[in-house]
Amino acid sequence: MKTEIIEIIDRGRGPELSTCRITVLDLVRYFQKGSSSGEIRRWIPTLSDGEIAVVEQFYLEHKAEFDEKDRCARERRAEQIRLQRQKFPETNETPEETKARLRRLLDQRRQEQNGEGHPG
């Protein structure tokens, strides 16, 4: 029986496990929170204790770098969410009110496309 060597490699997406596509950055938040291997496996059940240990050791050896990468990634995500909310602001409408508003908009567009509703 051949045992697969678990190591950190770079396939172009940043340091990741040789045994799967999980990157070191994928697990940084778990390590920052002090999550146990069992807790991590609850969220990523395909990982073994050995794989988690290898990633954690690599993270600890490069902690400042990965903490900064994680901070930047979180900032980018927060900015994406902020921009998305600007495009699609949340409303206080009920689902029924939203449907009625969208129906009115659709009717209005159909009338405009058909040349209706414009003074002659």
C-alpha atoms as a PDB file:
ATOM      1  CA  MET A   1       0.000   0.000   0.000  1.00  0.00           C
ATOM      2  CA  LYS A   2       1.478   3.315  -1.105  1.00  0.00           C
ATOM      3  CA  THR A   3       1.144   6.279   1.233  1.00  0.00           C
ATOM      4  CA  GLU A   4       0.717   9.655  -0.425  1.00  0.00           C
ATOM      5  CA  ILE A   5       3.184  12.303   0.711  1.00  0.00           C
ATOM      6  CA  ILE A   6       1.456  15.363   2.127  1.00  0.00           C
ATOM      7  CA  GLU A   7       3.283  18.582   1.380  1.00  0.00           C
ATOM      8  CA  ILE A   8       2.657  22.171   0.389  1.00  0.00           C
ATOM      9  CA  ILE A   9       3.125  22.907  -3.302  1.00  0.00           C
ATOM     10  CA  ASP A  10       2.258  25.763  -5.652  1.00  0.00           C
ATOM     11  CA  ARG A  11       0.255  24.981  -8.768  1.00  0.00           C
ATOM     12  CA  GLY A  12      -0.218  28.681  -9.530  1.00  0.00           C
ATOM     13  CA  ARG A  13      -2.979  29.523  -7.039  1.00  0.00           C
ATOM     14  CA  GLY A  14      -0.662  29.983  -4.085  1.00  0.00           C
ATOM     15  CA  PRO A  15       0.585  27.381  -1.613  1.00  0.00           C
ATOM     16  CA  GLU A  16      -1.781  24.427  -1.394  1.00  0.00           C
ATOM     17  CA  LEU A  17      -1.841  20.804  -0.323  1.00  0.00           C
ATOM     18  CA  SER A  18      -0.286  18.317  -2.719  1.00  0.00           C
ATOM     19  CA  THR A  19      -3.155  15.930  -1.984  1.00  0.00           C
ATOM     20  CA  CYS A  20      -6.026  18.240  -2.966  1.00  0.00           C
ATOM     21  CA  ARG A  21      -6.861  21.789  -4.070  1.00  0.00           C
ATOM     22  CA  ILE A  22      -7.193  23.269  -0.558  1.00  0.00           C
ATOM     23  CA  THR A  23      -4.909  26.297  -0.229  1.00  0.00           C
ATOM     24  CA  VAL A  24      -3.187  27.508   2.903  1.00  0.00           C
ATOM     25  CA  LEU A  25      -5.260  30.693   2.650  1.00  0.00           C
ATOM     26  CA  ASP A  26      -8.451  28.576   2.727  1.00  0.00           C
ATOM     27  CA  LEU A  27      -7.615  27.529   6.292  1.00  0.00           C
ATOM     28  CA  VAL A  28      -6.110  30.745   7.693  1.00  0.00           C
ATOM     29  CA  ARG A  29      -9.336  31.892   9.403  1.00  0.00           C
ATOM     30  CA  TYR A  30      -9.646  28.530  11.178  1.00  0.00           C
ATOM     31  CA  PHE A  31      -6.104  28.816  12.514  1.00  0.00           C
ATOM     32  CA  GLN A  32      -6.631  32.449  13.531  1.00  0.00           C
ATOM     33  CA  LYS A  33      -9.714  31.399  15.528  1.00  0.00           C
ATOM     34  CA  GLY A  34      -7.834  28.522  17.150  1.00  0.00           C
ATOM     35  CA  SER A  35     -10.089  25.863  15.595  1.00  0.00           C
ATOM     36  CA  SER A  36      -9.216  22.242  16.272  1.00  0.00           C
ATOM     37  CA  SER A  37      -8.700  19.672  13.512  1.00  0.00           C
ATOM     38  CA  GLY A  38     -12.121  18.268  14.355  1.00  0.00           C
ATOM     39  CA  GLU A  39     -13.755  21.669  13.916  1.00  0.00           C
ATOM     40  CA  ILE A  40     -11.989  22.201  10.594  1.00  0.00           C
ATOM     41  CA  ARG A  41     -13.061  18.743   9.401  1.00  0.00           C
ATOM     42  CA  ARG A  42     -16.648  19.587  10.288  1.00  0.00           C
ATOM     43  CA  TRP A  43     -16.519  22.276   7.575  1.00  0.00           C
ATOM     44  CA  ILE A  44     -14.084  20.525   5.222  1.00  0.00           C
ATOM     45  CA  PRO A  45     -14.637  16.802   5.842  1.00  0.00           C
ATOM     46  CA  THR A  46     -12.306  15.669   3.052  1.00  0.00           C
ATOM     47  CA  LEU A  47      -9.239  16.819   5.000  1.00  0.00           C
ATOM     48  CA  SER A  48      -7.311  14.457   7.238  1.00  0.00           C
ATOM     49  CA  ASP A  49      -5.613  15.394  10.503  1.00  0.00           C
ATOM     50  CA  GLY A  50      -2.281  14.989   8.710  1.00  0.00           C
ATOM     51  CA  GLU A  51      -3.242  17.410   5.953  1.00  0.00           C
ATOM     52  CA  ILE A  52      -4.480  19.969   8.467  1.00  0.00           C
ATOM     53  CA  ALA A  53      -1.263  19.633  10.472  1.00  0.00           C
ATOM     54  CA  VAL A  54       0.891  20.224   7.363  1.00  0.00           C
ATOM     55  CA  VAL A  55      -1.088  23.332   6.410  1.00  0.00           C
ATOM     56  CA  GLU A  56      -1.026  24.642   9.968  1.00  0.00           C
ATOM     57  CA  GLN A  57       2.740  24.173  10.237  1.00  0.00           C
ATOM     58  CA  PHE A  58       3.247  26.036   6.920  1.00  0.00           C
ATOM     59  CA  TYR A  59       0.897  28.791   8.105  1.00  0.00           C
ATOM     60  CA  LEU A  60       2.777  29.197  11.390  1.00  0.00           C
ATOM     61  CA  GLU A  61       6.092  29.423   9.522  1.00  0.00           C
ATOM     62  CA  HIS A  62       4.652  32.210   7.299  1.00  0.00           C
ATOM     63  CA  LYS A  63       2.072  33.645   9.714  1.00  0.00           C
ATOM     64  CA  ALA A  64       2.580  37.373   9.098  1.00  0.00           C
ATOM     65  CA  GLU A  65       2.421  36.902   5.315  1.00  0.00           C
ATOM     66  CA  PHE A  66      -0.785  34.841   5.428  1.00  0.00           C
ATOM     67  CA  ASP A  67      -2.466  37.047   8.008  1.00  0.00           C
ATOM     68  CA  GLU A  68      -1.851  39.995   5.667  1.00  0.00           C
ATOM     69  CA  LYS A  69      -3.125  38.049   2.633  1.00  0.00           C
ATOM     70  CA  ASP A  70      -6.243  37.099   4.587  1.00  0.00           C
ATOM     71  CA  ARG A  71      -6.800  40.722   5.646  1.00  0.00           C
ATOM     72  CA  CYS A  72      -6.488  41.915   2.026  1.00  0.00           C
ATOM     73  CA  ALA A  73      -8.834  39.177   0.781  1.00  0.00           C
ATOM     74  CA  ARG A  74     -11.428  40.146   3.398  1.00  0.00           C
ATOM     75  CA  GLU A  75     -11.149  43.817   2.428  1.00  0.00           C
ATOM     76  CA  ARG A  76     -11.640  42.935  -1.264  1.00  0.00           C
ATOM     77  CA  ARG A  77     -14.681  40.825  -0.407  1.00  0.00           C
ATOM     78  CA  ALA A  78     -16.165  43.590   1.759  1.00  0.00           C
ATOM     79  CA  GLU A  79     -15.672  46.059  -1.112  1.00  0.00           C
ATOM     80  CA  GLN A  80     -17.352  43.654  -3.551  1.00  0.00           C
ATOM     81  CA  ILE A  81     -20.318  43.337  -1.188  1.00  0.00           C
ATOM     82  CA  ARG A  82     -20.493  47.125  -0.760  1.00  0.00           C
ATOM     83  CA  LEU A  83     -20.507  47.637  -4.535  1.00  0.00           C
ATOM     84  CA  GLN A  84     -23.126  44.931  -5.002  1.00  0.00           C
ATOM     85  CA  ARG A  85     -25.369  46.582  -2.418  1.00  0.00           C
ATOM     86  CA  GLN A  86     -25.026  49.892  -4.275  1.00  0.00           C
ATOM     87  CA  LYS A  87     -26.205  48.172  -7.447  1.00  0.00           C
ATOM     88  CA  PHE A  88     -28.986  46.267  -5.713  1.00  0.00           C
ATOM     89  CA  PRO A  89     -29.959  48.172  -2.574  1.00  0.00           C
ATOM     90  CA  GLU A  90     -31.995  46.309  -0.033  1.00  0.00           C
ATOM     91  CA  THR A  91     -35.525  47.553   0.398  1.00  0.00           C
ATOM     92  CA  ASN A  92     -38.075  47.274   3.133  1.00  0.00           C
ATOM     93  CA  GLU A  93     -40.622  45.920   0.673  1.00  0.00           C
ATOM     94  CA  THR A  94     -42.505  42.744   1.310  1.00  0.00           C
ATOM     95  CA  PRO A  95     -42.156  40.086  -1.386  1.00  0.00           C
ATOM     96  CA  GLU A  96     -45.658  40.976  -2.601  1.00  0.00           C
ATOM     97  CA  GLU A  97     -44.724  44.669  -2.880  1.00  0.00           C
ATOM     98  CA  THR A  98     -41.569  43.782  -4.777  1.00  0.00           C
ATOM     99  CA  LYS A  99     -43.547  41.601  -7.220  1.00  0.00           C
ATOM    100  CA  ALA A 100     -46.094  44.382  -7.768  1.00  0.00           C
ATOM    101  CA  ARG A 101     -43.341  46.983  -8.357  1.00  0.00           C
ATOM    102  CA  LEU A 102     -41.546  44.723 -10.823  1.00  0.00           C
ATOM    103  CA  ARG A 103     -44.830  43.945 -12.599  1.00  0.00           C
ATOM    104  CA  ARG A 104     -45.476  47.699 -13.009  1.00  0.00           C
ATOM    105  CA  LEU A 105     -41.964  48.219 -14.394  1.00  0.00           C
ATOM    106  CA  LEU A 106     -42.393  45.335 -16.824  1.00  0.00           C
ATOM    107  CA  ASP A 107     -45.760  46.663 -17.997  1.00  0.00           C
ATOM    108  CA  GLN A 108     -44.259  50.121 -18.418  1.00  0.00           C
ATOM    109  CA  ARG A 109     -41.387  48.759 -20.541  1.00  0.00           C
ATOM    110  CA  ARG A 110     -43.764  46.713 -22.682  1.00  0.00           C
ATOM    111  CA  GLN A 111     -45.884  49.798 -23.311  1.00  0.00           C
ATOM    112  CA  GLU A 112     -42.789  51.811 -24.246  1.00  0.00           C
ATOM    113  CA  GLN A 113     -41.637  49.080 -26.659  1.00  0.00           C
ATOM    114  CA  ASN A 114     -45.076  48.960 -28.259  1.00  0.00           C
ATOM    115  CA  GLY A 115     -45.157  52.729 -28.654  1.00  0.00           C
ATOM    116  CA  GLU A 116     -47.951  53.077 -26.150  1.00  0.00           C
ATOM    117  CA  GLY A 117     -48.072  55.623 -23.409  1.00  0.00           C
ATOM    118  CA  HIS A 118     -46.323  58.339 -25.422  1.00  0.00           C
ATOM    119  CA  PRO A 119     -48.108  61.517 -26.480  1.00  0.00           C
ATOM    120  CA  GLY A 120     -48.830  61.471 -30.211  1.00  0.00           C
END
